[in-house]
Amino acid sequence: MELLIMQVSLFVLAVILGVELITKVPATLHTPLMSGSNAISGITLVGALLAAGSGEVSGVWVSAIGMIAIILATINVVGGFLVTNRMLRMFHRR
């Protein structure tokens, strides 16, 4: 029970810190910041693929959660590429 309380407390602290940091970033830097964070999601995608294919833990729920992680990480990475591409087109000279 103590471990759960510590993990939830750490999660809440991370959320509060993240919100505070994001509110301090100027609006013009939000798109490059999002592009960088979406690049990090590529690492999450690789981790989800490795975890889903490890075969150490078997079960329907484990496979389902692994598949959901792969799908969500893929959506996030593709969205990051689309946002970055749109941002770079804004600065493209004609």
N, C-alpha and C. Protein backbone atom coordinates (compact mmCIF):
# COMPACT_ATOMS: atom_id res chain seq x y z
N MET A 1 0.82 -1.19 0.00
CA MET A 1 0.00 0.00 0.00
C MET A 1 0.87 1.26 0.00
N GLU A 2 1.98 1.22 0.74
CA GLU A 2 2.87 2.37 0.79
C GLU A 2 3.49 2.65 -0.57
N LEU A 3 3.80 1.58 -1.29
CA LEU A 3 4.38 1.74 -2.62
C LEU A 3 3.38 2.43 -3.56
N LEU A 4 2.12 2.05 -3.48
CA LEU A 4 1.09 2.68 -4.31
C LEU A 4 0.95 4.16 -3.99
N ILE A 5 0.95 4.50 -2.72
CA ILE A 5 0.84 5.90 -2.31
C ILE A 5 2.04 6.69 -2.81
N MET A 6 3.22 6.12 -2.73
CA MET A 6 4.42 6.80 -3.22
C MET A 6 4.35 7.00 -4.73
N GLN A 7 3.89 5.99 -5.46
CA GLN A 7 3.80 6.11 -6.92
C GLN A 7 2.77 7.14 -7.34
N VAL A 8 1.62 7.15 -6.68
CA VAL A 8 0.58 8.14 -7.00
C VAL A 8 1.08 9.54 -6.66
N SER A 9 1.76 9.68 -5.53
CA SER A 9 2.31 10.98 -5.15
C SER A 9 3.33 11.46 -6.17
N LEU A 10 4.18 10.59 -6.63
CA LEU A 10 5.17 10.95 -7.65
C LEU A 10 4.50 11.34 -8.96
N PHE A 11 3.46 10.63 -9.34
CA PHE A 11 2.71 10.95 -10.55
C PHE A 11 2.07 12.33 -10.44
N VAL A 12 1.43 12.62 -9.32
CA VAL A 12 0.78 13.92 -9.12
C VAL A 12 1.82 15.03 -9.13
N LEU A 13 2.96 14.81 -8.50
CA LEU A 13 4.04 15.79 -8.50
C LEU A 13 4.56 16.04 -9.92
N ALA A 14 4.69 14.99 -10.71
CA ALA A 14 5.15 15.13 -12.10
C ALA A 14 4.13 15.91 -12.93
N VAL A 15 2.84 15.66 -12.70
CA VAL A 15 1.80 16.40 -13.44
C VAL A 15 1.85 17.88 -13.08
N ILE A 16 1.95 18.18 -11.81
CA ILE A 16 1.99 19.58 -11.37
C ILE A 16 3.23 20.27 -11.93
N LEU A 17 4.37 19.61 -11.87
CA LEU A 17 5.60 20.19 -12.40
C LEU A 17 5.51 20.39 -13.91
N GLY A 18 4.93 19.43 -14.61
CA GLY A 18 4.77 19.55 -16.06
C GLY A 18 3.87 20.71 -16.43
N VAL A 19 2.77 20.88 -15.73
CA VAL A 19 1.85 21.99 -16.02
C VAL A 19 2.54 23.32 -15.74
N GLU A 20 3.27 23.40 -14.66
CA GLU A 20 3.98 24.64 -14.34
C GLU A 20 5.03 24.97 -15.39
N LEU A 21 5.75 23.97 -15.85
CA LEU A 21 6.78 24.23 -16.87
C LEU A 21 6.17 24.64 -18.20
N ILE A 22 5.11 23.98 -18.61
CA ILE A 22 4.49 24.28 -19.90
C ILE A 22 3.88 25.67 -19.89
N THR A 23 3.31 26.10 -18.77
CA THR A 23 2.72 27.44 -18.73
C THR A 23 3.77 28.53 -18.81
N LYS A 24 5.01 28.22 -18.48
CA LYS A 24 6.09 29.21 -18.55
C LYS A 24 6.71 29.32 -19.94
N VAL A 25 6.41 28.38 -20.83
CA VAL A 25 6.97 28.38 -22.19
C VAL A 25 6.15 29.32 -23.06
N PRO A 26 6.81 30.23 -23.81
CA PRO A 26 6.06 31.12 -24.70
C PRO A 26 5.31 30.32 -25.78
N ALA A 27 4.21 30.89 -26.26
CA ALA A 27 3.35 30.19 -27.23
C ALA A 27 4.09 29.87 -28.52
N THR A 28 5.05 30.69 -28.90
CA THR A 28 5.79 30.44 -30.15
C THR A 28 6.68 29.21 -30.06
N LEU A 29 6.98 28.77 -28.87
CA LEU A 29 7.85 27.60 -28.70
C LEU A 29 7.08 26.31 -28.44
N HIS A 30 5.76 26.38 -28.38
CA HIS A 30 4.99 25.17 -28.08
C HIS A 30 5.12 24.12 -29.18
N THR A 31 5.08 24.53 -30.45
CA THR A 31 5.16 23.55 -31.54
C THR A 31 6.51 22.84 -31.57
N PRO A 32 7.65 23.56 -31.49
CA PRO A 32 8.92 22.82 -31.44
C PRO A 32 9.04 21.92 -30.20
N LEU A 33 8.48 22.37 -29.09
CA LEU A 33 8.51 21.55 -27.88
C LEU A 33 7.70 20.28 -28.07
N MET A 34 6.53 20.41 -28.72
CA MET A 34 5.70 19.23 -28.99
C MET A 34 6.39 18.30 -29.97
N SER A 35 7.10 18.85 -30.95
CA SER A 35 7.81 18.00 -31.90
C SER A 35 8.88 17.18 -31.19
N GLY A 36 9.58 17.82 -30.27
CA GLY A 36 10.60 17.09 -29.52
C GLY A 36 10.00 16.02 -28.63
N SER A 37 8.89 16.33 -27.99
CA SER A 37 8.28 15.32 -27.12
C SER A 37 7.69 14.17 -27.94
N ASN A 38 7.24 14.45 -29.15
CA ASN A 38 6.73 13.38 -29.99
C ASN A 38 7.87 12.50 -30.50
N ALA A 39 9.05 13.07 -30.65
CA ALA A 39 10.20 12.25 -31.02
C ALA A 39 10.53 11.27 -29.89
N ILE A 40 10.34 11.71 -28.67
CA ILE A 40 10.56 10.82 -27.53
C ILE A 40 9.55 9.67 -27.56
N SER A 41 8.38 9.91 -28.13
CA SER A 41 7.38 8.85 -28.24
C SER A 41 7.85 7.72 -29.13
N GLY A 42 8.78 8.02 -30.01
CA GLY A 42 9.38 6.95 -30.82
C GLY A 42 10.08 5.94 -29.93
N ILE A 43 10.71 6.42 -28.88
CA ILE A 43 11.36 5.53 -27.93
C ILE A 43 10.29 4.70 -27.20
N THR A 44 9.16 5.33 -26.89
CA THR A 44 8.06 4.62 -26.26
C THR A 44 7.53 3.52 -27.17
N LEU A 45 7.47 3.83 -28.46
CA LEU A 45 6.99 2.83 -29.42
C LEU A 45 7.93 1.63 -29.46
N VAL A 46 9.23 1.88 -29.47
CA VAL A 46 10.19 0.78 -29.47
C VAL A 46 10.05 -0.04 -28.18
N GLY A 47 9.88 0.64 -27.05
CA GLY A 47 9.68 -0.06 -25.78
C GLY A 47 8.41 -0.90 -25.77
N ALA A 48 7.34 -0.35 -26.35
CA ALA A 48 6.09 -1.11 -26.41
C ALA A 48 6.24 -2.34 -27.30
N LEU A 49 6.95 -2.19 -28.42
CA LEU A 49 7.18 -3.34 -29.29
C LEU A 49 8.01 -4.41 -28.60
N LEU A 50 9.05 -3.99 -27.89
CA LEU A 50 9.89 -4.96 -27.18
C LEU A 50 9.12 -5.65 -26.06
N ALA A 51 8.31 -4.88 -25.34
CA ALA A 51 7.54 -5.47 -24.24
C ALA A 51 6.48 -6.43 -24.76
N ALA A 52 5.82 -6.05 -25.86
CA ALA A 52 4.77 -6.90 -26.40
C ALA A 52 5.33 -8.19 -26.99
N GLY A 53 6.54 -8.13 -27.53
CA GLY A 53 7.11 -9.30 -28.18
C GLY A 53 8.04 -10.11 -27.31
N SER A 54 8.19 -9.72 -26.04
CA SER A 54 9.15 -10.43 -25.19
C SER A 54 8.71 -11.85 -24.87
N GLY A 55 7.42 -12.05 -24.67
CA GLY A 55 6.90 -13.38 -24.37
C GLY A 55 7.18 -13.85 -22.95
N GLU A 56 7.72 -12.97 -22.10
CA GLU A 56 8.00 -13.35 -20.72
C GLU A 56 6.72 -13.55 -19.92
N VAL A 57 5.76 -12.68 -20.16
CA VAL A 57 4.49 -12.76 -19.46
C VAL A 57 3.43 -13.02 -20.51
N SER A 58 2.65 -14.05 -20.30
CA SER A 58 1.62 -14.37 -21.28
C SER A 58 0.24 -14.09 -20.71
N GLY A 59 -0.69 -13.92 -21.59
CA GLY A 59 -2.07 -13.68 -21.17
C GLY A 59 -2.74 -12.74 -22.14
N VAL A 60 -4.06 -12.81 -22.12
CA VAL A 60 -4.84 -11.98 -23.03
C VAL A 60 -4.72 -10.51 -22.65
N TRP A 61 -4.76 -10.21 -21.35
CA TRP A 61 -4.70 -8.82 -20.92
C TRP A 61 -3.35 -8.21 -21.24
N VAL A 62 -2.30 -8.94 -21.08
CA VAL A 62 -0.96 -8.43 -21.37
C VAL A 62 -0.84 -8.11 -22.86
N SER A 63 -1.33 -9.01 -23.69
CA SER A 63 -1.30 -8.78 -25.14
C SER A 63 -2.16 -7.58 -25.53
N ALA A 64 -3.33 -7.46 -24.91
CA ALA A 64 -4.22 -6.34 -25.22
C ALA A 64 -3.61 -5.01 -24.82
N ILE A 65 -3.02 -4.95 -23.64
CA ILE A 65 -2.39 -3.71 -23.18
C ILE A 65 -1.18 -3.38 -24.05
N GLY A 66 -0.42 -4.39 -24.44
CA GLY A 66 0.71 -4.17 -25.34
C GLY A 66 0.27 -3.64 -26.69
N MET A 67 -0.82 -4.19 -27.22
CA MET A 67 -1.33 -3.72 -28.51
C MET A 67 -1.84 -2.29 -28.41
N ILE A 68 -2.52 -1.97 -27.32
CA ILE A 68 -3.00 -0.60 -27.12
C ILE A 68 -1.82 0.37 -27.02
N ALA A 69 -0.76 -0.03 -26.31
CA ALA A 69 0.43 0.82 -26.19
C ALA A 69 1.07 1.05 -27.55
N ILE A 70 1.14 0.01 -28.36
CA ILE A 70 1.73 0.14 -29.70
C ILE A 70 0.88 1.08 -30.57
N ILE A 71 -0.43 0.92 -30.53
CA ILE A 71 -1.31 1.76 -31.35
C ILE A 71 -1.22 3.22 -30.92
N LEU A 72 -1.29 3.49 -29.62
CA LEU A 72 -1.24 4.88 -29.15
C LEU A 72 0.11 5.53 -29.41
N ALA A 73 1.18 4.80 -29.22
CA ALA A 73 2.50 5.36 -29.49
C ALA A 73 2.68 5.63 -30.98
N THR A 74 2.16 4.76 -31.83
CA THR A 74 2.24 4.97 -33.27
C THR A 74 1.46 6.21 -33.68
N ILE A 75 0.26 6.38 -33.14
CA ILE A 75 -0.54 7.57 -33.44
C ILE A 75 0.22 8.83 -33.01
N ASN A 76 0.84 8.78 -31.85
CA ASN A 76 1.57 9.94 -31.35
C ASN A 76 2.78 10.26 -32.22
N VAL A 77 3.51 9.25 -32.66
CA VAL A 77 4.68 9.49 -33.50
C VAL A 77 4.26 10.05 -34.86
N VAL A 78 3.25 9.46 -35.48
CA VAL A 78 2.78 9.95 -36.78
C VAL A 78 2.25 11.38 -36.65
N GLY A 79 1.50 11.65 -35.62
CA GLY A 79 1.02 13.02 -35.38
C GLY A 79 2.16 13.99 -35.19
N GLY A 80 3.21 13.57 -34.50
CA GLY A 80 4.38 14.42 -34.32
C GLY A 80 5.06 14.74 -35.63
N PHE A 81 5.17 13.75 -36.49
CA PHE A 81 5.76 14.01 -37.81
C PHE A 81 4.90 14.97 -38.61
N LEU A 82 3.58 14.82 -38.55
CA LEU A 82 2.69 15.71 -39.30
C LEU A 82 2.78 17.15 -38.79
N VAL A 83 2.80 17.33 -37.48
CA VAL A 83 2.90 18.67 -36.90
C VAL A 83 4.25 19.29 -37.26
N THR A 84 5.32 18.51 -37.17
CA THR A 84 6.64 19.03 -37.50
C THR A 84 6.72 19.40 -38.98
N ASN A 85 6.14 18.58 -39.84
CA ASN A 85 6.14 18.88 -41.26
C ASN A 85 5.38 20.18 -41.55
N ARG A 86 4.24 20.35 -40.91
CA ARG A 86 3.46 21.57 -41.10
C ARG A 86 4.24 22.78 -40.58
N MET A 87 4.91 22.63 -39.44
CA MET A 87 5.69 23.73 -38.88
C MET A 87 6.84 24.11 -39.82
N LEU A 88 7.52 23.12 -40.39
CA LEU A 88 8.64 23.41 -41.29
C LEU A 88 8.16 24.05 -42.58
N ARG A 89 6.96 23.71 -43.06
CA ARG A 89 6.42 24.34 -44.27
C ARG A 89 6.14 25.82 -44.04
N MET A 90 5.87 26.22 -42.80
CA MET A 90 5.64 27.64 -42.52
C MET A 90 6.90 28.46 -42.79
N PHE A 91 8.07 27.85 -42.59
CA PHE A 91 9.32 28.57 -42.75
C PHE A 91 9.95 28.34 -44.12
N HIS A 92 9.26 27.59 -44.97
CA HIS A 92 9.80 27.28 -46.30
C HIS A 92 9.74 28.51 -47.19
N ARG A 93 10.87 28.82 -47.84
CA ARG A 93 10.91 29.95 -48.76
C ARG A 93 10.36 29.53 -50.10
N ARG A 94 9.67 30.43 -50.74
CA ARG A 94 9.08 30.11 -52.04
C ARG A 94 9.96 30.50 -53.17
